Amino acid sequence: MRVRPISPELLVEEVADRVAALEGKPWLRMAVDGAAAALPEDLADALVDPLRLRGRPVVRVRARDFLRPASVRLEHGREDAHAFYEDWLDEGGLRREVLDPLDADGGTGRVLPSLWDAAADRATRASYLAVPEGGVLILDGTLLLGRWLPFELTVHLSLSAGALARRTAPDQRWTLPAFERYEAEAAPADEADVVVRVDDPRHPALVDRDG
């Protein structure tokens, strides 16, 4: 295994090149996974324009828009790390409305970009979008791997336990046991196609497991 330092700008270009080179399916589903402290949303957003410049239409979806209602998420309290790990994400809704419609076998190409407004605790009433053939879905979120969700490419932004603890906001530190469990059970750095170490977000490092 080789760890290669890389600038944030070059990281975006290399990931975009890898995505653009993937062929053989009507659509491509990719995930950018990482704790909130790793800023997966920022990398996902940064990939949009480079992919469009490479001729790939892009649809951005955020896992935070596919959380379960508060009555389910918070059944065991607002700071239950095990519920955060197991119960917050509406996997069924995400599959039904986003991932399965982009399946190569029988997918419709019509996706719902958001399902649930967690802050207001109500449906978003979003409209369906048609993803052109050759289009790329970029989903960002946390604790996404190890759930058997169908992606053609996955990127995991990895933080050491110490960096995660330092960079997690004080009011979110109750989630740290969920990430300990994630590392133990899902092994996201082994599961992902692309792994980036981001202990210092200004100086990421790309993990080359073939090096």
Protein backbone atom coordinates (compact mmCIF):
# COMPACT_ATOMS: atom_id res chain seq x y z
CA MET A 1 0.00 0.00 0.00
CA ARG A 2 1.28 3.44 -0.94
CA VAL A 3 -0.01 6.76 0.39
CA ARG A 4 0.47 9.60 -2.06
CA PRO A 5 0.12 13.24 -0.98
CA ILE A 6 -2.05 15.18 -3.37
CA SER A 7 -3.46 18.68 -3.55
CA PRO A 8 -7.22 19.12 -3.11
CA GLU A 9 -7.45 20.44 -6.68
CA LEU A 10 -5.58 17.50 -8.21
CA LEU A 11 -7.62 15.07 -6.13
CA VAL A 12 -10.80 16.39 -7.74
CA GLU A 13 -9.28 16.07 -11.21
CA GLU A 14 -8.07 12.51 -10.63
CA VAL A 15 -11.40 11.33 -9.25
CA ALA A 16 -13.24 13.05 -12.12
CA ASP A 17 -10.95 11.33 -14.63
CA ARG A 18 -11.65 7.96 -13.04
CA VAL A 19 -15.40 8.51 -13.09
CA ALA A 20 -15.42 9.81 -16.67
CA ALA A 21 -13.47 6.75 -17.85
CA LEU A 22 -16.07 4.30 -16.54
CA GLU A 23 -18.28 2.99 -19.33
CA GLY A 24 -20.65 0.16 -20.10
CA LYS A 25 -23.73 1.33 -18.18
CA PRO A 26 -26.48 3.82 -19.01
CA TRP A 27 -25.81 5.66 -15.73
CA LEU A 28 -23.13 5.76 -13.06
CA ARG A 29 -23.89 5.85 -9.35
CA MET A 30 -21.11 7.08 -7.10
CA ALA A 31 -20.89 7.81 -3.39
CA VAL A 32 -18.60 10.15 -1.47
CA ASP A 33 -18.62 8.77 2.06
CA GLY A 34 -17.18 10.32 5.19
CA ALA A 35 -17.92 11.77 8.58
CA ALA A 36 -19.23 15.33 8.52
CA ALA A 37 -15.81 16.43 9.77
CA ALA A 38 -14.24 15.01 6.59
CA LEU A 39 -16.44 17.30 4.44
CA PRO A 40 -17.73 14.73 1.91
CA GLU A 41 -20.26 17.26 0.62
CA ASP A 42 -17.45 19.60 -0.41
CA LEU A 43 -15.70 16.96 -2.51
CA ALA A 44 -18.98 15.85 -4.06
CA ASP A 45 -19.83 19.45 -5.00
CA ALA A 46 -16.33 20.01 -6.39
CA LEU A 47 -16.73 17.06 -8.78
CA VAL A 48 -19.82 18.44 -10.53
CA ASP A 49 -18.26 20.96 -12.91
CA PRO A 50 -15.19 18.85 -13.82
CA LEU A 51 -17.45 15.94 -14.75
CA ARG A 52 -19.71 18.16 -16.82
CA LEU A 53 -16.63 19.49 -18.62
CA ARG A 54 -15.80 15.87 -19.40
CA GLY A 55 -19.19 15.45 -21.05
CA ARG A 56 -20.98 13.68 -18.20
CA PRO A 57 -24.32 15.10 -16.98
CA VAL A 58 -24.45 15.17 -13.17
CA VAL A 59 -27.21 14.92 -10.58
CA ARG A 60 -26.28 15.75 -6.98
CA VAL A 61 -28.10 14.04 -4.14
CA ARG A 62 -27.41 14.30 -0.41
CA ALA A 63 -28.03 11.44 1.97
CA ARG A 64 -29.16 13.96 4.59
CA ASP A 65 -32.25 14.48 2.42
CA PHE A 66 -33.11 10.79 2.86
CA LEU A 67 -33.27 10.54 6.62
CA ARG A 68 -36.15 8.85 8.39
CA PRO A 69 -38.80 10.91 10.22
CA ALA A 70 -37.90 12.14 13.69
CA SER A 71 -40.31 9.66 15.27
CA VAL A 72 -38.04 6.86 14.00
CA ARG A 73 -34.63 8.56 14.17
CA LEU A 74 -35.07 9.86 17.68
CA GLU A 75 -37.10 7.03 19.19
CA HIS A 76 -34.26 6.30 21.63
CA GLY A 77 -33.32 9.94 22.20
CA ARG A 78 -31.50 12.67 20.32
CA GLU A 79 -28.01 11.38 21.15
CA ASP A 80 -28.17 7.63 20.65
CA ALA A 81 -25.09 6.59 18.67
CA HIS A 82 -26.44 3.15 17.78
CA ALA A 83 -29.63 4.65 16.36
CA PHE A 84 -27.49 7.12 14.41
CA TYR A 85 -25.64 4.19 12.88
CA GLU A 86 -28.60 1.90 12.23
CA ASP A 87 -31.80 3.93 11.98
CA TRP A 88 -31.21 7.44 10.68
CA LEU A 89 -30.75 6.76 6.96
CA ASP A 90 -33.84 5.75 5.00
CA GLU A 91 -32.09 3.08 2.94
CA GLY A 92 -35.34 1.89 1.40
CA GLY A 93 -36.28 5.37 0.21
CA LEU A 94 -32.79 6.00 -1.13
CA ARG A 95 -32.83 2.75 -3.09
CA ARG A 96 -36.37 3.20 -4.37
CA GLU A 97 -36.14 6.85 -5.40
CA VAL A 98 -32.50 7.26 -6.42
CA LEU A 99 -30.38 4.15 -6.83
CA ASP A 100 -32.71 1.55 -8.33
CA PRO A 101 -34.01 3.92 -11.04
CA LEU A 102 -30.41 4.16 -12.29
CA ASP A 103 -29.87 0.42 -12.43
CA ALA A 104 -28.63 -0.84 -15.79
CA ASP A 105 -31.31 -3.54 -15.81
CA GLY A 106 -34.70 -1.89 -16.07
CA GLY A 107 -33.96 1.47 -14.49
CA THR A 108 -36.19 4.35 -15.54
CA GLY A 109 -33.61 7.12 -15.22
CA ARG A 110 -36.04 9.20 -13.15
CA VAL A 111 -34.81 10.07 -9.67
CA LEU A 112 -36.16 12.02 -6.72
CA PRO A 113 -33.38 14.35 -5.53
CA SER A 114 -34.75 14.67 -2.00
CA LEU A 115 -37.38 12.90 0.06
CA TRP A 116 -37.44 14.23 3.63
CA ASP A 117 -36.64 17.61 5.17
CA ALA A 118 -35.21 16.55 8.52
CA ALA A 119 -35.22 20.06 9.97
CA ALA A 120 -38.92 20.60 9.25
CA ASP A 121 -39.68 16.87 9.68
CA ARG A 122 -41.84 16.65 6.58
CA ALA A 123 -41.64 15.48 2.99
CA THR A 124 -39.78 17.81 0.64
CA ARG A 125 -42.28 17.40 -2.21
CA ALA A 126 -39.42 17.55 -4.69
CA SER A 127 -40.02 16.86 -8.37
CA TYR A 128 -38.51 13.93 -10.21
CA LEU A 129 -35.52 14.53 -12.45
CA ALA A 130 -34.67 12.67 -15.65
CA VAL A 131 -31.01 11.64 -15.74
CA PRO A 132 -29.70 11.51 -19.33
CA GLU A 133 -27.91 8.39 -20.53
CA GLY A 134 -24.27 8.69 -19.53
CA GLY A 135 -25.25 10.73 -16.49
CA VAL A 136 -23.56 10.48 -13.11
CA LEU A 137 -25.30 10.47 -9.76
CA ILE A 138 -23.07 11.86 -7.00
CA LEU A 139 -24.35 11.03 -3.52
CA ASP A 140 -22.57 12.32 -0.45
CA GLY A 141 -23.19 11.21 3.09
CA THR A 142 -21.92 9.48 6.19
CA LEU A 143 -21.91 5.80 7.17
CA LEU A 144 -22.90 4.81 3.61
CA LEU A 145 -20.69 1.78 3.05
CA GLY A 146 -21.33 -1.75 4.25
CA ARG A 147 -25.05 -1.42 3.54
CA TRP A 148 -25.01 -3.18 0.16
CA LEU A 149 -26.17 -0.03 -1.57
CA PRO A 150 -25.57 -0.29 -5.33
CA PHE A 151 -22.79 2.03 -6.50
CA GLU A 152 -20.41 1.77 -9.43
CA LEU A 153 -17.77 3.82 -7.62
CA THR A 154 -17.26 4.70 -3.97
CA VAL A 155 -14.91 7.24 -2.39
CA HIS A 156 -14.21 7.17 1.33
CA LEU A 157 -12.72 10.15 3.13
CA SER A 158 -10.78 8.63 5.99
CA LEU A 159 -10.00 10.28 9.32
CA SER A 160 -7.91 8.80 12.10
CA ALA A 161 -9.75 8.42 15.39
CA GLY A 162 -7.80 11.33 16.84
CA ALA A 163 -8.48 13.63 13.89
CA LEU A 164 -12.15 12.69 13.91
CA ALA A 165 -12.45 13.52 17.61
CA ARG A 166 -10.62 16.85 17.18
CA ARG A 167 -12.63 17.95 14.17
CA THR A 168 -16.07 16.83 15.29
CA ALA A 169 -18.14 19.69 16.70
CA PRO A 170 -18.70 19.46 20.46
CA ASP A 171 -22.45 19.03 20.04
CA GLN A 172 -21.85 16.07 17.69
CA ARG A 173 -19.31 14.13 19.73
CA TRP A 174 -22.03 11.76 20.85
CA THR A 175 -21.79 10.27 17.32
CA LEU A 176 -18.17 9.13 17.78
CA PRO A 177 -19.08 5.61 19.00
CA ALA A 178 -21.05 5.14 15.77
CA PHE A 179 -17.89 5.78 13.77
CA GLU A 180 -15.92 3.36 15.94
CA ARG A 181 -18.53 0.75 15.13
CA TYR A 182 -18.43 1.71 11.43
CA GLU A 183 -14.69 1.12 11.31
CA ALA A 184 -15.04 -2.24 13.06
CA GLU A 185 -18.05 -3.57 11.15
CA ALA A 186 -18.01 -1.93 7.72
CA ALA A 187 -14.24 -1.37 7.32
CA PRO A 188 -14.90 1.51 4.90
CA ALA A 189 -11.24 1.91 3.93
CA ASP A 190 -11.28 -1.69 2.66
CA GLU A 191 -14.73 -1.42 1.10
CA ALA A 192 -14.28 1.78 -0.93
CA ASP A 193 -12.85 1.94 -4.43
CA VAL A 194 -10.99 5.17 -3.65
CA VAL A 195 -9.67 6.07 -0.20
CA VAL A 196 -8.43 9.53 0.71
CA ARG A 197 -6.86 10.36 4.04
CA VAL A 198 -7.99 13.79 5.16
CA ASP A 199 -6.61 14.26 8.67
CA ASP A 200 -5.45 17.63 7.34
CA PRO A 201 -8.00 18.73 4.72
CA ARG A 202 -5.46 21.09 3.19
CA HIS A 203 -3.11 18.18 2.50
CA PRO A 204 -5.09 15.06 1.56
CA ALA A 205 -3.36 11.80 0.67
CA LEU A 206 -4.59 9.23 -1.83
CA VAL A 207 -4.25 5.60 -0.74
CA ASP A 208 -2.98 3.32 -3.50
CA ARG A 209 -3.62 -0.22 -2.34
CA ASP A 210 -1.86 -1.64 -5.41
CA GLY A 211 1.31 0.30 -4.76
